[in-house]
Amino acid sequence: MYRQILKPGAFINLKTDNDGFHAYTVSQVEESKLTLHVRTEDLYRSEFADEVLSIKTYYEKKYLKHNKNINYLKFSF
């Protein structure tokens, strides 16, 4: 579905607090031989948390208060 919506060369940025969803997406990216540009299981303790990625949603703030991690992937076709 992403291929139909996105322009060639576009990136998909995925932030999630769900470790299972993150792992599943990584497996799908690898299985589909997509280009994985960035992968981290702990965005806010990584070097990837830039000005935009550091914007936290309500749920991220909630998870972070309980010392849970926020995963991040950046990939393309």
C-alpha atoms as a PDB file:
ATOM      1  CA  MET A   1       0.000   0.000   0.000  1.00  0.00           C
ATOM      2  CA  TYR A   2       2.893   2.372   0.785  1.00  0.00           C
ATOM      3  CA  ARG A   3       4.235   1.920  -2.752  1.00  0.00           C
ATOM      4  CA  GLN A   4       0.938   3.197  -4.183  1.00  0.00           C
ATOM      5  CA  ILE A   5       0.870   6.283  -1.960  1.00  0.00           C
ATOM      6  CA  LEU A   6       4.486   7.421  -1.738  1.00  0.00           C
ATOM      7  CA  LYS A   7       6.625   9.077  -4.359  1.00  0.00           C
ATOM      8  CA  PRO A   8       9.783   7.210  -5.398  1.00  0.00           C
ATOM      9  CA  GLY A   9      12.591   7.834  -2.915  1.00  0.00           C
ATOM     10  CA  ALA A  10      10.229   8.768  -0.062  1.00  0.00           C
ATOM     11  CA  PHE A  11      11.027   7.630   3.463  1.00  0.00           C
ATOM     12  CA  ILE A  12       8.767   5.891   5.936  1.00  0.00           C
ATOM     13  CA  ASN A  13       9.388   6.992   9.525  1.00  0.00           C
ATOM     14  CA  LEU A  14       7.874   4.783  12.199  1.00  0.00           C
ATOM     15  CA  LYS A  15       7.940   5.537  15.917  1.00  0.00           C
ATOM     16  CA  THR A  16       6.200   3.041  18.182  1.00  0.00           C
ATOM     17  CA  ASP A  17       6.061   2.007  21.814  1.00  0.00           C
ATOM     18  CA  ASN A  18       5.012  -1.500  20.761  1.00  0.00           C
ATOM     19  CA  ASP A  19       8.076  -3.772  20.697  1.00  0.00           C
ATOM     20  CA  GLY A  20       6.181  -6.541  18.875  1.00  0.00           C
ATOM     21  CA  PHE A  21       5.025  -4.217  16.102  1.00  0.00           C
ATOM     22  CA  HIS A  22       8.557  -2.845  15.782  1.00  0.00           C
ATOM     23  CA  ALA A  23      10.044  -6.367  15.489  1.00  0.00           C
ATOM     24  CA  TYR A  24       7.372  -7.392  12.976  1.00  0.00           C
ATOM     25  CA  THR A  25       8.035  -4.311  10.826  1.00  0.00           C
ATOM     26  CA  VAL A  26      11.799  -4.955  10.901  1.00  0.00           C
ATOM     27  CA  SER A  27      11.187  -8.530   9.723  1.00  0.00           C
ATOM     28  CA  GLN A  28       8.921  -7.289   6.916  1.00  0.00           C
ATOM     29  CA  VAL A  29      11.454  -4.667   5.811  1.00  0.00           C
ATOM     30  CA  GLU A  30      14.193  -7.316   5.719  1.00  0.00           C
ATOM     31  CA  GLU A  31      11.996  -9.941   4.026  1.00  0.00           C
ATOM     32  CA  SER A  32      10.900  -7.427   1.378  1.00  0.00           C
ATOM     33  CA  LYS A  33      14.521  -6.329   0.890  1.00  0.00           C
ATOM     34  CA  LEU A  34      13.656  -2.686   1.542  1.00  0.00           C
ATOM     35  CA  THR A  35      16.365  -0.204   2.472  1.00  0.00           C
ATOM     36  CA  LEU A  36      16.611   0.243   6.232  1.00  0.00           C
ATOM     37  CA  HIS A  37      18.267   3.591   6.955  1.00  0.00           C
ATOM     38  CA  VAL A  38      17.823   3.858  10.728  1.00  0.00           C
ATOM     39  CA  ARG A  39      16.844   1.357  13.393  1.00  0.00           C
ATOM     40  CA  THR A  40      16.842   1.842  17.128  1.00  0.00           C
ATOM     41  CA  GLU A  41      14.977   0.192  19.960  1.00  0.00           C
ATOM     42  CA  ASP A  42      15.443   3.243  22.202  1.00  0.00           C
ATOM     43  CA  LEU A  43      15.018   6.468  20.263  1.00  0.00           C
ATOM     44  CA  TYR A  44      15.454   8.909  23.133  1.00  0.00           C
ATOM     45  CA  ARG A  45      18.723   7.352  24.240  1.00  0.00           C
ATOM     46  CA  SER A  46      20.115   7.264  20.702  1.00  0.00           C
ATOM     47  CA  GLU A  47      21.819   9.782  18.452  1.00  0.00           C
ATOM     48  CA  PHE A  48      18.760   9.848  16.147  1.00  0.00           C
ATOM     49  CA  ALA A  49      16.449  11.955  18.349  1.00  0.00           C
ATOM     50  CA  ASP A  50      16.635  15.199  16.363  1.00  0.00           C
ATOM     51  CA  GLU A  51      14.378  18.259  16.657  1.00  0.00           C
ATOM     52  CA  VAL A  52      11.454  16.582  14.869  1.00  0.00           C
ATOM     53  CA  LEU A  53      11.790  13.064  16.264  1.00  0.00           C
ATOM     54  CA  SER A  54      12.042  14.468  19.777  1.00  0.00           C
ATOM     55  CA  ILE A  55       8.438  15.641  19.637  1.00  0.00           C
ATOM     56  CA  LYS A  56       6.680  13.285  22.042  1.00  0.00           C
ATOM     57  CA  THR A  57       3.068  12.197  21.786  1.00  0.00           C
ATOM     58  CA  TYR A  58       0.824  11.851  24.809  1.00  0.00           C
ATOM     59  CA  TYR A  59       1.366   8.084  24.812  1.00  0.00           C
ATOM     60  CA  GLU A  60       5.123   8.353  24.419  1.00  0.00           C
ATOM     61  CA  LYS A  61       5.268  10.618  27.464  1.00  0.00           C
ATOM     62  CA  LYS A  62       3.164   8.109  29.374  1.00  0.00           C
ATOM     63  CA  TYR A  63       5.442   5.195  28.408  1.00  0.00           C
ATOM     64  CA  LEU A  64       8.619   7.136  29.103  1.00  0.00           C
ATOM     65  CA  LYS A  65       7.435   7.898  32.658  1.00  0.00           C
ATOM     66  CA  HIS A  66       7.505   4.138  33.232  1.00  0.00           C
ATOM     67  CA  ASN A  67      11.001   3.801  31.712  1.00  0.00           C
ATOM     68  CA  LYS A  68       9.655   2.074  28.595  1.00  0.00           C
ATOM     69  CA  ASN A  69      11.444   2.436  25.274  1.00  0.00           C
ATOM     70  CA  ILE A  70      10.289   4.107  22.078  1.00  0.00           C
ATOM     71  CA  ASN A  71      11.358   2.293  18.901  1.00  0.00           C
ATOM     72  CA  TYR A  72      12.145   4.022  15.617  1.00  0.00           C
ATOM     73  CA  LEU A  73      12.638   2.886  12.031  1.00  0.00           C
ATOM     74  CA  LYS A  74      13.345   4.831   8.871  1.00  0.00           C
ATOM     75  CA  PHE A  75      13.136   2.853   5.653  1.00  0.00           C
ATOM     76  CA  SER A  76      12.436   3.240   1.934  1.00  0.00           C
ATOM     77  CA  PHE A  77      11.649   1.177  -1.152  1.00  0.00           C
END
